Amino acid sequence: MTEHQLSLLPFYAGWGRYQQRLVAAIALLTEEQLALRTTPQHWSIGMYATHIVADRAWWFHARMGAGSDDLTSLELWALGICEADMDPCHPAAELVAGLEKTWRLIEETLARLTPADLEQVFPPLDEVERVRHAKLVEPALQPYAQMWVERAALSGEVRPAVSLQWIIWHVLEHDIHHGSEISTTLGIHGLPVVELD
């Protein structure tokens, strides 16, 4: 008799509902609305959404190795946002496609993982891996990819290895944190917010 393996997906059911509401809030936004900020010092709605997509792809695909190679282009999609406060100006349809693609990645990964998998540890990213990833980004983002590699090398910071449990928690709290910034920006400008129960 085969022992039934308990999937992690049911434990994160609320995340899927949050994803749907985040997509609904972004889907109909115009280019001008995606460029809205709470203050000039804060990122735009589009920048936050781009950052969410890139974070998901980075941790689940680049670091955990989940999903297919068509996710590679999203891994460093947000380069330039952190490095130079540059808005990549993805239209709403592109942002929604990125959110949906990375959500499928998360959902499929959670469906195949079990509680026992949470202890798996992923080593820190070394310089060779950073350079490899930086070379994968589109030409327009290459200067920012180089800044990313150089900043890591200059800092001398060695990040610790992380567990699968840490990665899942990080991506979930990252989604909620930046999703709330999107919602706040929408609300300040009189637009429909990310609805929560």
N, C-alpha and C. Protein backbone atom coordinates (compact mmCIF):
# COMPACT_ATOMS: atom_id res chain seq x y z
N MET A 1 0.83 -1.17 0.00
CA MET A 1 0.00 0.00 0.00
C MET A 1 0.88 1.24 0.00
N THR A 2 0.56 2.22 -0.87
CA THR A 2 1.32 3.44 -0.97
C THR A 2 0.82 4.45 0.05
N GLU A 3 1.76 5.04 0.77
CA GLU A 3 1.39 6.04 1.77
C GLU A 3 1.03 7.35 1.06
N HIS A 4 -0.08 7.95 1.45
CA HIS A 4 -0.53 9.21 0.86
C HIS A 4 0.39 10.35 1.33
N GLN A 5 0.87 11.16 0.38
CA GLN A 5 1.72 12.30 0.69
C GLN A 5 0.86 13.56 0.76
N LEU A 6 0.93 14.26 1.85
CA LEU A 6 0.15 15.47 2.05
C LEU A 6 0.80 16.63 1.32
N SER A 7 0.06 17.27 0.42
CA SER A 7 0.54 18.41 -0.35
C SER A 7 0.51 19.68 0.52
N LEU A 8 1.40 20.62 0.21
CA LEU A 8 1.41 21.91 0.91
C LEU A 8 0.33 22.85 0.40
N LEU A 9 -0.21 22.61 -0.78
CA LEU A 9 -1.15 23.55 -1.40
C LEU A 9 -2.34 23.92 -0.53
N PRO A 10 -3.01 22.98 0.15
CA PRO A 10 -4.16 23.39 0.96
C PRO A 10 -3.82 24.37 2.08
N PHE A 11 -2.60 24.36 2.55
CA PHE A 11 -2.19 25.25 3.63
C PHE A 11 -2.04 26.70 3.17
N TYR A 12 -1.98 26.90 1.85
CA TYR A 12 -1.78 28.23 1.29
C TYR A 12 -2.95 28.67 0.42
N ALA A 13 -4.14 28.14 0.69
CA ALA A 13 -5.32 28.44 -0.13
C ALA A 13 -5.64 29.94 -0.17
N GLY A 14 -5.43 30.65 0.90
CA GLY A 14 -5.70 32.08 0.93
C GLY A 14 -4.81 32.87 -0.01
N TRP A 15 -3.62 32.36 -0.26
CA TRP A 15 -2.69 33.03 -1.16
C TRP A 15 -3.27 33.07 -2.58
N GLY A 16 -3.91 32.00 -2.98
CA GLY A 16 -4.53 31.95 -4.31
C GLY A 16 -5.64 32.99 -4.45
N ARG A 17 -6.43 33.17 -3.42
CA ARG A 17 -7.48 34.19 -3.45
C ARG A 17 -6.87 35.59 -3.51
N TYR A 18 -5.80 35.80 -2.78
CA TYR A 18 -5.11 37.09 -2.81
C TYR A 18 -4.57 37.36 -4.22
N GLN A 19 -4.00 36.35 -4.84
CA GLN A 19 -3.50 36.46 -6.21
C GLN A 19 -4.62 36.92 -7.15
N GLN A 20 -5.78 36.31 -7.06
CA GLN A 20 -6.91 36.67 -7.92
C GLN A 20 -7.29 38.14 -7.74
N ARG A 21 -7.29 38.59 -6.51
CA ARG A 21 -7.69 39.97 -6.23
C ARG A 21 -6.62 40.97 -6.67
N LEU A 22 -5.36 40.58 -6.54
CA LEU A 22 -4.27 41.44 -7.01
C LEU A 22 -4.36 41.59 -8.52
N VAL A 23 -4.58 40.49 -9.22
CA VAL A 23 -4.71 40.53 -10.68
C VAL A 23 -5.91 41.39 -11.07
N ALA A 24 -7.03 41.22 -10.39
CA ALA A 24 -8.23 42.01 -10.71
C ALA A 24 -7.98 43.50 -10.53
N ALA A 25 -7.21 43.87 -9.53
CA ALA A 25 -6.93 45.29 -9.27
C ALA A 25 -6.02 45.90 -10.33
N ILE A 26 -5.17 45.10 -10.93
CA ILE A 26 -4.18 45.61 -11.90
C ILE A 26 -4.67 45.50 -13.34
N ALA A 27 -5.50 44.52 -13.63
CA ALA A 27 -5.85 44.16 -15.01
C ALA A 27 -6.35 45.32 -15.87
N LEU A 28 -7.14 46.19 -15.32
CA LEU A 28 -7.76 47.24 -16.14
C LEU A 28 -7.06 48.60 -16.05
N LEU A 29 -5.91 48.63 -15.39
CA LEU A 29 -5.22 49.92 -15.21
C LEU A 29 -4.58 50.39 -16.51
N THR A 30 -4.66 51.69 -16.72
CA THR A 30 -4.03 52.31 -17.88
C THR A 30 -2.54 52.53 -17.59
N GLU A 31 -1.81 52.93 -18.61
CA GLU A 31 -0.38 53.23 -18.44
C GLU A 31 -0.20 54.36 -17.42
N GLU A 32 -1.07 55.35 -17.48
CA GLU A 32 -0.99 56.48 -16.55
C GLU A 32 -1.28 56.03 -15.12
N GLN A 33 -2.25 55.15 -14.95
CA GLN A 33 -2.58 54.65 -13.61
C GLN A 33 -1.47 53.76 -13.06
N LEU A 34 -0.84 52.97 -13.91
CA LEU A 34 0.28 52.14 -13.45
C LEU A 34 1.47 52.99 -13.00
N ALA A 35 1.55 54.20 -13.49
CA ALA A 35 2.66 55.10 -13.13
C ALA A 35 2.38 55.90 -11.85
N LEU A 36 1.20 55.74 -11.27
CA LEU A 36 0.85 56.48 -10.05
C LEU A 36 1.72 56.05 -8.87
N ARG A 37 2.06 57.01 -8.02
CA ARG A 37 2.85 56.78 -6.82
C ARG A 37 2.15 57.45 -5.64
N THR A 38 2.46 57.00 -4.42
CA THR A 38 1.92 57.70 -3.25
C THR A 38 2.66 59.01 -3.04
N THR A 39 3.97 59.00 -3.27
CA THR A 39 4.81 60.20 -3.23
C THR A 39 5.89 60.00 -4.30
N PRO A 40 6.59 61.06 -4.69
CA PRO A 40 7.65 60.89 -5.69
C PRO A 40 8.76 59.94 -5.23
N GLN A 41 8.91 59.75 -3.91
CA GLN A 41 9.96 58.87 -3.40
C GLN A 41 9.57 57.38 -3.40
N HIS A 42 8.29 57.10 -3.59
CA HIS A 42 7.83 55.71 -3.60
C HIS A 42 7.75 55.18 -5.02
N TRP A 43 7.78 53.86 -5.14
CA TRP A 43 7.65 53.24 -6.44
C TRP A 43 6.24 53.42 -6.97
N SER A 44 6.09 53.24 -8.28
CA SER A 44 4.78 53.28 -8.91
C SER A 44 4.08 51.92 -8.75
N ILE A 45 2.79 51.91 -9.05
CA ILE A 45 2.02 50.66 -9.02
C ILE A 45 2.68 49.63 -9.94
N GLY A 46 3.05 50.07 -11.14
CA GLY A 46 3.69 49.16 -12.09
C GLY A 46 5.02 48.61 -11.59
N MET A 47 5.78 49.44 -10.90
CA MET A 47 7.07 48.98 -10.36
C MET A 47 6.86 47.92 -9.28
N TYR A 48 5.88 48.15 -8.40
CA TYR A 48 5.60 47.15 -7.37
C TYR A 48 5.16 45.83 -7.99
N ALA A 49 4.27 45.89 -8.98
CA ALA A 49 3.78 44.66 -9.61
C ALA A 49 4.92 43.92 -10.32
N THR A 50 5.78 44.67 -11.01
CA THR A 50 6.95 44.08 -11.67
C THR A 50 7.84 43.39 -10.65
N HIS A 51 8.05 44.04 -9.53
CA HIS A 51 8.90 43.51 -8.47
C HIS A 51 8.31 42.22 -7.89
N ILE A 52 7.00 42.16 -7.73
CA ILE A 52 6.35 40.94 -7.23
C ILE A 52 6.60 39.78 -8.19
N VAL A 53 6.40 40.03 -9.49
CA VAL A 53 6.61 38.98 -10.50
C VAL A 53 8.05 38.48 -10.45
N ALA A 54 8.99 39.41 -10.44
CA ALA A 54 10.40 39.04 -10.46
C ALA A 54 10.80 38.27 -9.20
N ASP A 55 10.30 38.68 -8.04
CA ASP A 55 10.62 38.00 -6.79
C ASP A 55 10.12 36.55 -6.81
N ARG A 56 8.90 36.37 -7.29
CA ARG A 56 8.35 35.01 -7.38
C ARG A 56 9.21 34.14 -8.30
N ALA A 57 9.52 34.66 -9.49
CA ALA A 57 10.31 33.88 -10.45
C ALA A 57 11.71 33.62 -9.91
N TRP A 58 12.28 34.63 -9.24
CA TRP A 58 13.63 34.47 -8.71
C TRP A 58 13.70 33.33 -7.70
N TRP A 59 12.83 33.38 -6.70
CA TRP A 59 12.92 32.40 -5.62
C TRP A 59 12.44 31.02 -6.03
N PHE A 60 11.35 30.93 -6.76
CA PHE A 60 10.81 29.61 -7.10
C PHE A 60 11.52 28.98 -8.30
N HIS A 61 11.89 29.78 -9.31
CA HIS A 61 12.55 29.21 -10.48
C HIS A 61 14.07 29.24 -10.36
N ALA A 62 14.62 30.44 -10.19
CA ALA A 62 16.09 30.56 -10.18
C ALA A 62 16.72 29.86 -8.98
N ARG A 63 16.15 30.02 -7.81
CA ARG A 63 16.77 29.47 -6.60
C ARG A 63 16.33 28.05 -6.29
N MET A 64 15.03 27.75 -6.46
CA MET A 64 14.54 26.41 -6.13
C MET A 64 14.61 25.47 -7.33
N GLY A 65 14.68 26.02 -8.53
CA GLY A 65 14.75 25.18 -9.73
C GLY A 65 13.39 24.66 -10.18
N ALA A 66 12.32 25.24 -9.71
CA ALA A 66 10.99 24.79 -10.10
C ALA A 66 10.59 25.43 -11.43
N GLY A 67 9.70 24.79 -12.15
CA GLY A 67 9.16 25.35 -13.38
C GLY A 67 10.08 25.17 -14.57
N SER A 68 9.63 25.74 -15.69
CA SER A 68 10.34 25.57 -16.96
C SER A 68 11.20 26.79 -17.30
N ASP A 69 12.02 26.64 -18.32
CA ASP A 69 12.96 27.68 -18.71
C ASP A 69 12.30 28.95 -19.22
N ASP A 70 11.02 28.89 -19.59
CA ASP A 70 10.36 30.10 -20.05
C ASP A 70 10.15 31.11 -18.92
N LEU A 71 10.46 30.72 -17.69
CA LEU A 71 10.37 31.64 -16.55
C LEU A 71 11.65 32.45 -16.37
N THR A 72 12.72 32.05 -17.05
CA THR A 72 14.02 32.70 -16.87
C THR A 72 13.93 34.20 -17.16
N SER A 73 13.17 34.58 -18.17
CA SER A 73 13.10 36.00 -18.53
C SER A 73 12.48 36.84 -17.42
N LEU A 74 11.72 36.23 -16.51
CA LEU A 74 11.08 36.97 -15.43
C LEU A 74 11.94 37.08 -14.18
N GLU A 75 12.97 36.25 -14.07
CA GLU A 75 13.78 36.19 -12.85
C GLU A 75 14.36 37.54 -12.44
N LEU A 76 14.85 38.28 -13.37
CA LEU A 76 15.47 39.57 -13.07
C LEU A 76 14.71 40.70 -13.75
N TRP A 77 13.41 40.50 -13.92
CA TRP A 77 12.54 41.46 -14.60
C TRP A 77 12.57 42.82 -13.91
N ALA A 78 12.79 42.84 -12.64
CA ALA A 78 12.74 44.10 -11.88
C ALA A 78 14.10 44.79 -11.78
N LEU A 79 15.10 44.29 -12.48
CA LEU A 79 16.39 44.99 -12.45
C LEU A 79 16.18 46.43 -12.92
N GLY A 80 16.81 47.34 -12.28
CA GLY A 80 16.65 48.75 -12.60
C GLY A 80 15.72 49.44 -11.62
N ILE A 81 14.72 48.72 -11.12
CA ILE A 81 13.83 49.32 -10.12
C ILE A 81 14.62 49.61 -8.85
N CYS A 82 15.29 48.58 -8.35
CA CYS A 82 16.06 48.76 -7.12
C CYS A 82 17.37 49.49 -7.40
N GLU A 83 17.98 49.23 -8.54
CA GLU A 83 19.29 49.79 -8.83
C GLU A 83 19.24 51.26 -9.22
N ALA A 84 18.18 51.68 -9.94
CA ALA A 84 18.17 53.06 -10.46
C ALA A 84 16.80 53.73 -10.38
N ASP A 85 15.87 53.14 -9.65
CA ASP A 85 14.51 53.69 -9.53
C ASP A 85 13.90 53.91 -10.91
N MET A 86 14.15 52.97 -11.82
CA MET A 86 13.65 53.05 -13.18
C MET A 86 12.36 52.23 -13.30
N ASP A 87 11.35 52.81 -13.89
CA ASP A 87 10.09 52.09 -14.10
C ASP A 87 10.16 51.35 -15.42
N PRO A 88 10.09 50.01 -15.42
CA PRO A 88 10.15 49.25 -16.67
C PRO A 88 8.94 49.46 -17.57
N CYS A 89 7.88 50.06 -17.03
CA CYS A 89 6.69 50.42 -17.81
C CYS A 89 6.05 49.24 -18.54
N HIS A 90 5.87 48.14 -17.84
CA HIS A 90 5.13 47.03 -18.44
C HIS A 90 3.65 47.40 -18.44
N PRO A 91 2.94 47.17 -19.55
CA PRO A 91 1.50 47.44 -19.54
C PRO A 91 0.77 46.45 -18.64
N ALA A 92 -0.47 46.79 -18.30
CA ALA A 92 -1.25 45.95 -17.39
C ALA A 92 -1.34 44.50 -17.87
N ALA A 93 -1.56 44.30 -19.16
CA ALA A 93 -1.70 42.93 -19.69
C ALA A 93 -0.42 42.11 -19.46
N GLU A 94 0.73 42.75 -19.60
CA GLU A 94 2.01 42.07 -19.37
C GLU A 94 2.21 41.75 -17.89
N LEU A 95 1.84 42.70 -17.04
CA LEU A 95 1.95 42.47 -15.59
C LEU A 95 1.03 41.34 -15.15
N VAL A 96 -0.20 41.33 -15.66
CA VAL A 96 -1.14 40.27 -15.33
C VAL A 96 -0.61 38.92 -15.83
N ALA A 97 -0.07 38.89 -17.05
CA ALA A 97 0.49 37.64 -17.57
C ALA A 97 1.64 37.15 -16.69
N GLY A 98 2.49 38.08 -16.22
CA GLY A 98 3.59 37.71 -15.32
C GLY A 98 3.09 37.21 -13.98
N LEU A 99 2.08 37.88 -13.43
CA LEU A 99 1.50 37.43 -12.16
C LEU A 99 0.87 36.05 -12.31
N GLU A 100 0.15 35.84 -13.39
CA GLU A 100 -0.50 34.54 -13.59
C GLU A 100 0.50 33.42 -13.85
N LYS A 101 1.52 33.71 -14.65
CA LYS A 101 2.54 32.70 -14.94
C LYS A 101 3.30 32.31 -13.67
N THR A 102 3.67 33.31 -12.87
CA THR A 102 4.41 32.99 -11.65
C THR A 102 3.49 32.36 -10.60
N TRP A 103 2.20 32.70 -10.62
CA TRP A 103 1.28 32.05 -9.70
C TRP A 103 1.13 30.57 -10.05
N ARG A 104 1.04 30.25 -11.35
CA ARG A 104 0.97 28.83 -11.75
C ARG A 104 2.22 28.09 -11.25
N LEU A 105 3.37 28.73 -11.35
CA LEU A 105 4.61 28.15 -10.85
C LEU A 105 4.50 27.85 -9.36
N ILE A 106 4.04 28.82 -8.59
CA ILE A 106 3.91 28.64 -7.15
C ILE A 106 2.90 27.54 -6.83
N GLU A 107 1.75 27.60 -7.48
CA GLU A 107 0.68 26.63 -7.22
C GLU A 107 1.12 25.20 -7.55
N GLU A 108 1.77 25.02 -8.70
CA GLU A 108 2.25 23.69 -9.09
C GLU A 108 3.33 23.19 -8.12
N THR A 109 4.19 24.10 -7.68
CA THR A 109 5.25 23.72 -6.75
C THR A 109 4.66 23.31 -5.40
N LEU A 110 3.73 24.12 -4.88
CA LEU A 110 3.11 23.79 -3.60
C LEU A 110 2.32 22.49 -3.68
N ALA A 111 1.73 22.20 -4.83
CA ALA A 111 0.94 20.97 -5.00
C ALA A 111 1.82 19.72 -4.94
N ARG A 112 3.07 19.82 -5.39
CA ARG A 112 3.93 18.63 -5.39
C ARG A 112 4.78 18.49 -4.12
N LEU A 113 4.90 19.58 -3.36
CA LEU A 113 5.72 19.53 -2.15
C LEU A 113 4.92 19.00 -0.96
N THR A 114 5.65 18.41 -0.03
CA THR A 114 5.04 17.89 1.20
C THR A 114 5.67 18.59 2.40
N PRO A 115 5.08 18.48 3.57
CA PRO A 115 5.69 19.09 4.76
C PRO A 115 7.15 18.65 4.98
N ALA A 116 7.47 17.43 4.64
CA ALA A 116 8.85 16.95 4.82
C ALA A 116 9.84 17.74 3.95
N ASP A 117 9.37 18.24 2.81
CA ASP A 117 10.24 19.00 1.91
C ASP A 117 10.65 20.36 2.47
N LEU A 118 9.93 20.86 3.45
CA LEU A 118 10.18 22.20 3.98
C LEU A 118 11.58 22.35 4.57
N GLU A 119 12.19 21.25 4.94
CA GLU A 119 13.52 21.30 5.55
C GLU A 119 14.65 21.39 4.52
N GLN A 120 14.34 21.19 3.24
CA GLN A 120 15.37 21.24 2.21
C GLN A 120 16.06 22.61 2.26
N VAL A 121 17.39 22.62 2.12
CA VAL A 121 18.16 23.86 2.22
C VAL A 121 18.82 24.16 0.87
N PHE A 122 18.77 25.43 0.49
CA PHE A 122 19.37 25.90 -0.74
C PHE A 122 20.57 26.77 -0.40
N PRO A 123 21.73 26.48 -1.00
CA PRO A 123 22.94 27.23 -0.66
C PRO A 123 22.84 28.68 -1.13
N PRO A 124 23.68 29.55 -0.57
CA PRO A 124 23.66 30.95 -1.02
C PRO A 124 24.08 31.03 -2.49
N LEU A 125 23.63 32.07 -3.15
CA LEU A 125 23.99 32.30 -4.55
C LEU A 125 25.42 32.80 -4.60
N ASP A 126 26.28 32.13 -5.38
CA ASP A 126 27.66 32.58 -5.47
C ASP A 126 27.83 33.54 -6.65
N GLU A 127 29.02 34.11 -6.77
CA GLU A 127 29.27 35.12 -7.79
C GLU A 127 29.10 34.56 -9.20
N VAL A 128 29.52 33.32 -9.41
CA VAL A 128 29.39 32.70 -10.72
C VAL A 128 27.93 32.61 -11.14
N GLU A 129 27.07 32.24 -10.19
CA GLU A 129 25.63 32.14 -10.48
C GLU A 129 25.03 33.53 -10.73
N ARG A 130 25.46 34.51 -9.98
CA ARG A 130 24.96 35.88 -10.21
C ARG A 130 25.31 36.35 -11.61
N VAL A 131 26.56 36.13 -12.01
CA VAL A 131 27.00 36.54 -13.35
C VAL A 131 26.21 35.79 -14.42
N ARG A 132 25.99 34.51 -14.21
CA ARG A 132 25.22 33.71 -15.17
C ARG A 132 23.81 34.28 -15.32
N HIS A 133 23.16 34.59 -14.22
CA HIS A 133 21.82 35.15 -14.27
C HIS A 133 21.82 36.53 -14.92
N ALA A 134 22.81 37.33 -14.61
CA ALA A 134 22.88 38.68 -15.16
C ALA A 134 22.99 38.65 -16.68
N LYS A 135 23.66 37.65 -17.22
CA LYS A 135 23.82 37.54 -18.68
C LYS A 135 22.52 37.12 -19.37
N LEU A 136 21.55 36.64 -18.62
CA LEU A 136 20.30 36.17 -19.21
C LEU A 136 19.28 37.27 -19.46
N VAL A 137 19.49 38.45 -18.88
CA VAL A 137 18.48 39.50 -18.99
C VAL A 137 18.55 40.17 -20.35
N GLU A 138 17.45 40.81 -20.70
CA GLU A 138 17.36 41.49 -21.99
C GLU A 138 18.40 42.61 -22.06
N PRO A 139 18.84 42.96 -23.28
CA PRO A 139 19.91 43.95 -23.45
C PRO A 139 19.66 45.29 -22.75
N ALA A 140 18.42 45.77 -22.75
CA ALA A 140 18.13 47.06 -22.11
C ALA A 140 18.41 47.05 -20.61
N LEU A 141 18.35 45.87 -20.01
CA LEU A 141 18.57 45.76 -18.56
C LEU A 141 20.01 45.37 -18.20
N GLN A 142 20.86 45.15 -19.19
CA GLN A 142 22.23 44.73 -18.91
C GLN A 142 23.00 45.69 -17.99
N PRO A 143 22.89 47.02 -18.15
CA PRO A 143 23.61 47.90 -17.21
C PRO A 143 23.18 47.68 -15.76
N TYR A 144 21.90 47.42 -15.56
CA TYR A 144 21.39 47.20 -14.21
C TYR A 144 21.80 45.82 -13.69
N ALA A 145 21.89 44.87 -14.59
CA ALA A 145 22.37 43.55 -14.19
C ALA A 145 23.81 43.64 -13.73
N GLN A 146 24.61 44.43 -14.43
CA GLN A 146 26.00 44.62 -14.04
C GLN A 146 26.09 45.33 -12.69
N MET A 147 25.24 46.33 -12.48
CA MET A 147 25.19 47.02 -11.18
C MET A 147 24.86 46.03 -10.07
N TRP A 148 23.91 45.13 -10.33
CA TRP A 148 23.49 44.12 -9.36
C TRP A 148 24.67 43.22 -8.98
N VAL A 149 25.42 42.75 -9.99
CA VAL A 149 26.57 41.88 -9.75
C VAL A 149 27.65 42.63 -8.98
N GLU A 150 27.94 43.86 -9.41
CA GLU A 150 28.99 44.66 -8.77
C GLU A 150 28.64 45.00 -7.33
N ARG A 151 27.37 45.37 -7.10
CA ARG A 151 26.95 45.71 -5.74
C ARG A 151 27.14 44.53 -4.80
N ALA A 152 26.78 43.33 -5.27
CA ALA A 152 26.94 42.14 -4.43
C ALA A 152 28.42 41.86 -4.16
N ALA A 153 29.26 42.04 -5.18
CA ALA A 153 30.70 41.78 -5.00
C ALA A 153 31.33 42.80 -4.06
N LEU A 154 30.95 44.07 -4.19
CA LEU A 154 31.52 45.12 -3.34
C LEU A 154 31.08 45.02 -1.89
N SER A 155 29.85 44.57 -1.69
CA SER A 155 29.34 44.50 -0.32
C SER A 155 30.07 43.42 0.49
N GLY A 156 30.54 42.40 -0.21
CA GLY A 156 31.21 41.30 0.48
C GLY A 156 30.27 40.48 1.34
N GLU A 157 29.00 40.81 1.26
CA GLU A 157 27.99 40.12 2.07
C GLU A 157 27.82 38.69 1.60
N VAL A 158 27.87 37.79 2.54
CA VAL A 158 27.61 36.38 2.24
C VAL A 158 26.28 36.04 2.89
N ARG A 159 25.30 35.85 2.04
CA ARG A 159 23.98 35.52 2.58
C ARG A 159 23.95 34.06 3.00
N PRO A 160 23.21 33.76 4.03
CA PRO A 160 23.16 32.37 4.50
C PRO A 160 22.34 31.49 3.56
N ALA A 161 22.55 30.20 3.70
CA ALA A 161 21.69 29.24 3.00
C ALA A 161 20.28 29.41 3.55
N VAL A 162 19.28 29.09 2.73
CA VAL A 162 17.89 29.25 3.16
C VAL A 162 17.13 27.96 2.94
N SER A 163 16.15 27.72 3.79
CA SER A 163 15.32 26.53 3.65
C SER A 163 14.16 26.79 2.70
N LEU A 164 13.58 25.72 2.22
CA LEU A 164 12.39 25.82 1.39
C LEU A 164 11.28 26.53 2.16
N GLN A 165 11.15 26.23 3.43
CA GLN A 165 10.14 26.89 4.25
C GLN A 165 10.35 28.39 4.28
N TRP A 166 11.62 28.83 4.41
CA TRP A 166 11.93 30.25 4.42
C TRP A 166 11.55 30.89 3.09
N ILE A 167 11.87 30.22 1.97
CA ILE A 167 11.58 30.77 0.64
C ILE A 167 10.07 30.97 0.46
N ILE A 168 9.28 29.97 0.81
CA ILE A 168 7.83 30.09 0.66
C ILE A 168 7.31 31.24 1.51
N TRP A 169 7.74 31.30 2.77
CA TRP A 169 7.29 32.39 3.64
C TRP A 169 7.72 33.74 3.08
N HIS A 170 8.96 33.84 2.63
CA HIS A 170 9.46 35.12 2.11
C HIS A 170 8.62 35.60 0.92
N VAL A 171 8.36 34.70 -0.02
CA VAL A 171 7.60 35.11 -1.21
C VAL A 171 6.17 35.49 -0.83
N LEU A 172 5.56 34.76 0.08
CA LEU A 172 4.21 35.08 0.54
C LEU A 172 4.16 36.45 1.21
N GLU A 173 5.07 36.70 2.16
CA GLU A 173 5.05 37.99 2.85
C GLU A 173 5.45 39.12 1.91
N HIS A 174 6.29 38.85 0.94
CA HIS A 174 6.68 39.84 -0.06
C HIS A 174 5.47 40.22 -0.92
N ASP A 175 4.69 39.23 -1.35
CA ASP A 175 3.46 39.48 -2.11
C ASP A 175 2.51 40.38 -1.31
N ILE A 176 2.30 40.03 -0.05
CA ILE A 176 1.36 40.77 0.79
C ILE A 176 1.87 42.20 1.03
N HIS A 177 3.15 42.33 1.34
CA HIS A 177 3.73 43.65 1.62
C HIS A 177 3.58 44.58 0.41
N HIS A 178 4.07 44.15 -0.74
CA HIS A 178 4.03 45.02 -1.91
C HIS A 178 2.62 45.12 -2.50
N GLY A 179 1.81 44.07 -2.33
CA GLY A 179 0.41 44.17 -2.74
C GLY A 179 -0.33 45.23 -1.94
N SER A 180 0.02 45.36 -0.65
CA SER A 180 -0.63 46.39 0.16
C SER A 180 -0.18 47.78 -0.28
N GLU A 181 1.07 47.89 -0.74
CA GLU A 181 1.53 49.18 -1.26
C GLU A 181 0.79 49.54 -2.56
N ILE A 182 0.54 48.54 -3.39
CA ILE A 182 -0.26 48.75 -4.60
C ILE A 182 -1.66 49.21 -4.20
N SER A 183 -2.26 48.52 -3.24
CA SER A 183 -3.61 48.83 -2.79
C SER A 183 -3.69 50.24 -2.20
N THR A 184 -2.70 50.61 -1.40
CA THR A 184 -2.67 51.95 -0.81
C THR A 184 -2.58 53.01 -1.89
N THR A 185 -1.72 52.79 -2.87
CA THR A 185 -1.56 53.75 -3.96
C THR A 185 -2.86 53.88 -4.76
N LEU A 186 -3.49 52.76 -5.04
CA LEU A 186 -4.78 52.80 -5.75
C LEU A 186 -5.80 53.61 -4.95
N GLY A 187 -5.90 53.31 -3.66
CA GLY A 187 -6.88 54.00 -2.81
C GLY A 187 -6.64 55.49 -2.72
N ILE A 188 -5.40 55.90 -2.57
CA ILE A 188 -5.06 57.32 -2.49
C ILE A 188 -5.51 58.07 -3.73
N HIS A 189 -5.47 57.37 -4.86
CA HIS A 189 -5.84 58.01 -6.14
C HIS A 189 -7.30 57.71 -6.53
N GLY A 190 -8.08 57.21 -5.59
CA GLY A 190 -9.50 57.00 -5.83
C GLY A 190 -9.85 55.84 -6.74
N LEU A 191 -8.94 54.88 -6.87
CA LEU A 191 -9.16 53.71 -7.72
C LEU A 191 -9.52 52.51 -6.86
N PRO A 192 -10.18 51.51 -7.43
CA PRO A 192 -10.53 50.31 -6.67
C PRO A 192 -9.27 49.63 -6.11
N VAL A 193 -9.31 49.28 -4.84
CA VAL A 193 -8.17 48.68 -4.16
C VAL A 193 -8.17 47.17 -4.31
N VAL A 194 -7.11 46.53 -3.81
CA VAL A 194 -7.05 45.07 -3.78
C VAL A 194 -8.02 44.63 -2.69
N GLU A 195 -9.12 44.03 -3.08
CA GLU A 195 -10.17 43.65 -2.15
C GLU A 195 -9.74 42.48 -1.27
N LEU A 196 -10.03 42.58 0.00
CA LEU A 196 -9.77 41.50 0.96
C LEU A 196 -11.07 41.16 1.67
N ASP A 197 -11.18 39.93 2.15
CA ASP A 197 -12.37 39.53 2.91
C ASP A 197 -12.34 40.13 4.29
